[in-house]
């Protein structure tokens, strides 16, 4: 996908609430249609722990993501994925084969920090 999206204004950008969190728990999600991992991400006192289903099994295992700092959209409405309620969208970019690589800050920052 090499096409740019339509231009947006700064006010549109501000509507997307992207925060830093730390994965505190992860479990396999064998019931998912595509291989996935269930994640519980701590965003600090203001937001708390939120759940997500992430199709990241090519590069990550449940054990390898616990403790990982990630970026996620926290203001999407919850979405039912099978029997699991996903509350956030953990962000990643595709590698050369199209497999997800998680976006992480290059230095440790507090949970709940907002992207700007």
C-alpha atoms as a PDB file:
ATOM      1  CA  UNK A   1       0.000   0.000   0.000  1.00  0.00           C
ATOM      2  CA  UNK A   2       1.988   2.970  -1.264  1.00  0.00           C
ATOM      3  CA  UNK A   3      -0.775   5.522  -1.695  1.00  0.00           C
ATOM      4  CA  UNK A   4      -1.067   8.451   0.660  1.00  0.00           C
ATOM      5  CA  UNK A   5      -4.310   9.045   2.508  1.00  0.00           C
ATOM      6  CA  UNK A   6      -6.270  12.239   2.058  1.00  0.00           C
ATOM      7  CA  UNK A   7      -4.838  15.278   3.825  1.00  0.00           C
ATOM      8  CA  UNK A   8      -6.198  16.025   7.276  1.00  0.00           C
ATOM      9  CA  UNK A   9      -6.038  19.120   9.427  1.00  0.00           C
ATOM     10  CA  UNK A  10      -4.242  19.337  12.763  1.00  0.00           C
ATOM     11  CA  UNK A  11      -7.615  19.251  14.546  1.00  0.00           C
ATOM     12  CA  UNK A  12      -8.290  15.858  12.923  1.00  0.00           C
ATOM     13  CA  UNK A  13      -4.917  14.562  14.147  1.00  0.00           C
ATOM     14  CA  UNK A  14      -5.736  15.663  17.701  1.00  0.00           C
ATOM     15  CA  UNK A  15      -8.845  13.452  17.675  1.00  0.00           C
ATOM     16  CA  UNK A  16      -6.663  10.321  17.533  1.00  0.00           C
ATOM     17  CA  UNK A  17      -5.456   9.597  21.068  1.00  0.00           C
ATOM     18  CA  UNK A  18      -2.208   7.603  20.766  1.00  0.00           C
ATOM     19  CA  UNK A  19      -0.609   6.677  24.094  1.00  0.00           C
ATOM     20  CA  UNK A  20       2.375   4.719  25.328  1.00  0.00           C
ATOM     21  CA  UNK A  21       1.674   1.638  27.395  1.00  0.00           C
ATOM     22  CA  UNK A  22       3.507  -1.405  28.719  1.00  0.00           C
ATOM     23  CA  UNK A  23       2.325  -4.943  28.004  1.00  0.00           C
ATOM     24  CA  UNK A  24       1.651  -6.527  31.406  1.00  0.00           C
ATOM     25  CA  UNK A  25       0.113  -9.814  30.239  1.00  0.00           C
ATOM     26  CA  UNK A  26      -0.120 -11.745  26.984  1.00  0.00           C
ATOM     27  CA  UNK A  27      -1.785 -15.004  25.991  1.00  0.00           C
ATOM     28  CA  UNK A  28      -2.118 -17.019  22.793  1.00  0.00           C
ATOM     29  CA  UNK A  29      -5.400 -16.437  20.940  1.00  0.00           C
ATOM     30  CA  UNK A  30      -5.930 -19.747  19.074  1.00  0.00           C
ATOM     31  CA  UNK A  31      -9.642 -19.033  18.484  1.00  0.00           C
ATOM     32  CA  UNK A  32      -8.846 -15.997  16.316  1.00  0.00           C
ATOM     33  CA  UNK A  33      -9.393 -16.370  12.543  1.00  0.00           C
ATOM     34  CA  UNK A  34      -5.820 -15.236  11.894  1.00  0.00           C
ATOM     35  CA  UNK A  35      -3.005 -16.050  14.346  1.00  0.00           C
ATOM     36  CA  UNK A  36      -3.023 -13.468  17.136  1.00  0.00           C
ATOM     37  CA  UNK A  37      -1.969 -12.737  20.702  1.00  0.00           C
ATOM     38  CA  UNK A  38      -4.224 -11.311  23.421  1.00  0.00           C
ATOM     39  CA  UNK A  39      -2.520  -8.336  25.078  1.00  0.00           C
ATOM     40  CA  UNK A  40      -3.195  -6.458  28.310  1.00  0.00           C
ATOM     41  CA  UNK A  41      -1.518  -3.051  28.184  1.00  0.00           C
ATOM     42  CA  UNK A  42      -1.044  -0.728  31.182  1.00  0.00           C
ATOM     43  CA  UNK A  43      -1.481   2.975  30.342  1.00  0.00           C
ATOM     44  CA  UNK A  44      -1.034   4.268  33.892  1.00  0.00           C
ATOM     45  CA  UNK A  45      -3.497   5.566  36.476  1.00  0.00           C
ATOM     46  CA  UNK A  46      -5.594   7.793  34.174  1.00  0.00           C
ATOM     47  CA  UNK A  47      -6.478   5.077  31.608  1.00  0.00           C
ATOM     48  CA  UNK A  48      -5.589   1.827  33.366  1.00  0.00           C
ATOM     49  CA  UNK A  49      -5.099  -1.579  31.743  1.00  0.00           C
ATOM     50  CA  UNK A  50      -6.767  -2.130  28.362  1.00  0.00           C
ATOM     51  CA  UNK A  51      -7.048  -5.269  26.197  1.00  0.00           C
ATOM     52  CA  UNK A  52      -6.189  -5.824  22.548  1.00  0.00           C
ATOM     53  CA  UNK A  53      -5.909  -8.637  20.041  1.00  0.00           C
ATOM     54  CA  UNK A  54      -2.804  -8.259  17.893  1.00  0.00           C
ATOM     55  CA  UNK A  55      -1.790 -10.226  14.794  1.00  0.00           C
ATOM     56  CA  UNK A  56       1.890 -10.176  15.708  1.00  0.00           C
ATOM     57  CA  UNK A  57       2.745 -13.889  15.904  1.00  0.00           C
ATOM     58  CA  UNK A  58       5.407 -13.809  13.166  1.00  0.00           C
ATOM     59  CA  UNK A  59       7.847 -11.745  15.256  1.00  0.00           C
ATOM     60  CA  UNK A  60       6.515 -12.087  18.803  1.00  0.00           C
ATOM     61  CA  UNK A  61       5.400 -14.683  21.330  1.00  0.00           C
ATOM     62  CA  UNK A  62       3.257 -13.995  24.387  1.00  0.00           C
ATOM     63  CA  UNK A  63       6.382 -14.342  26.535  1.00  0.00           C
ATOM     64  CA  UNK A  64       8.454 -11.945  24.424  1.00  0.00           C
ATOM     65  CA  UNK A  65       5.949  -9.069  24.522  1.00  0.00           C
ATOM     66  CA  UNK A  66       5.386  -8.926  28.288  1.00  0.00           C
ATOM     67  CA  UNK A  67       7.242  -5.836  29.508  1.00  0.00           C
ATOM     68  CA  UNK A  68       7.409  -4.332  25.993  1.00  0.00           C
ATOM     69  CA  UNK A  69       6.580  -0.651  25.644  1.00  0.00           C
ATOM     70  CA  UNK A  70       4.058  -0.101  22.829  1.00  0.00           C
ATOM     71  CA  UNK A  71       2.050   2.695  21.232  1.00  0.00           C
ATOM     72  CA  UNK A  72      -1.717   2.319  20.850  1.00  0.00           C
ATOM     73  CA  UNK A  73      -4.849   4.222  19.888  1.00  0.00           C
ATOM     74  CA  UNK A  74      -6.898   4.338  23.080  1.00  0.00           C
ATOM     75  CA  UNK A  75     -10.037   6.181  21.947  1.00  0.00           C
ATOM     76  CA  UNK A  76     -11.551   3.724  19.457  1.00  0.00           C
ATOM     77  CA  UNK A  77     -14.794   2.061  20.569  1.00  0.00           C
ATOM     78  CA  UNK A  78     -14.321  -1.510  21.875  1.00  0.00           C
ATOM     79  CA  UNK A  79     -14.535  -4.212  19.212  1.00  0.00           C
ATOM     80  CA  UNK A  80     -15.609  -7.823  19.695  1.00  0.00           C
ATOM     81  CA  UNK A  81     -13.087 -10.271  18.211  1.00  0.00           C
ATOM     82  CA  UNK A  82     -14.468 -13.755  18.707  1.00  0.00           C
ATOM     83  CA  UNK A  83     -15.087 -14.117  22.438  1.00  0.00           C
ATOM     84  CA  UNK A  84     -12.550 -11.384  23.245  1.00  0.00           C
ATOM     85  CA  UNK A  85     -13.302  -7.661  23.580  1.00  0.00           C
ATOM     86  CA  UNK A  86     -10.518  -5.534  22.093  1.00  0.00           C
ATOM     87  CA  UNK A  87     -10.447  -2.044  23.640  1.00  0.00           C
ATOM     88  CA  UNK A  88      -7.401  -0.470  21.947  1.00  0.00           C
ATOM     89  CA  UNK A  89      -5.466  -0.655  18.680  1.00  0.00           C
ATOM     90  CA  UNK A  90      -1.796  -1.480  19.258  1.00  0.00           C
ATOM     91  CA  UNK A  91       0.224   0.115  16.460  1.00  0.00           C
ATOM     92  CA  UNK A  92       2.739  -1.487  14.144  1.00  0.00           C
ATOM     93  CA  UNK A  93       4.182  -1.255  10.661  1.00  0.00           C
ATOM     94  CA  UNK A  94       4.710  -4.025   8.100  1.00  0.00           C
ATOM     95  CA  UNK A  95       8.147  -5.476   7.495  1.00  0.00           C
ATOM     96  CA  UNK A  96       9.318  -6.446   3.977  1.00  0.00           C
ATOM     97  CA  UNK A  97       7.048  -9.535   4.081  1.00  0.00           C
ATOM     98  CA  UNK A  98       4.025  -7.603   5.373  1.00  0.00           C
ATOM     99  CA  UNK A  99       4.291  -8.937   8.938  1.00  0.00           C
ATOM    100  CA  UNK A 100       3.614  -6.558  11.833  1.00  0.00           C
ATOM    101  CA  UNK A 101       6.492  -4.977  13.746  1.00  0.00           C
ATOM    102  CA  UNK A 102       5.329  -3.113  16.850  1.00  0.00           C
ATOM    103  CA  UNK A 103       5.962   0.617  17.223  1.00  0.00           C
ATOM    104  CA  UNK A 104       7.883   1.335  20.409  1.00  0.00           C
ATOM    105  CA  UNK A 105       9.499   4.475  21.849  1.00  0.00           C
ATOM    106  CA  UNK A 106      13.297   4.416  21.574  1.00  0.00           C
ATOM    107  CA  UNK A 107      13.648   5.485  25.224  1.00  0.00           C
ATOM    108  CA  UNK A 108      11.579   4.465  28.230  1.00  0.00           C
ATOM    109  CA  UNK A 109       8.755   6.931  28.895  1.00  0.00           C
ATOM    110  CA  UNK A 110       5.929   6.919  31.463  1.00  0.00           C
ATOM    111  CA  UNK A 111       2.812   4.872  30.757  1.00  0.00           C
ATOM    112  CA  UNK A 112      -0.031   7.016  29.439  1.00  0.00           C
ATOM    113  CA  UNK A 113       2.222   9.515  27.648  1.00  0.00           C
ATOM    114  CA  UNK A 114       0.397  10.950  24.643  1.00  0.00           C
ATOM    115  CA  UNK A 115       1.934  11.051  21.165  1.00  0.00           C
ATOM    116  CA  UNK A 116       2.385  14.537  19.720  1.00  0.00           C
END
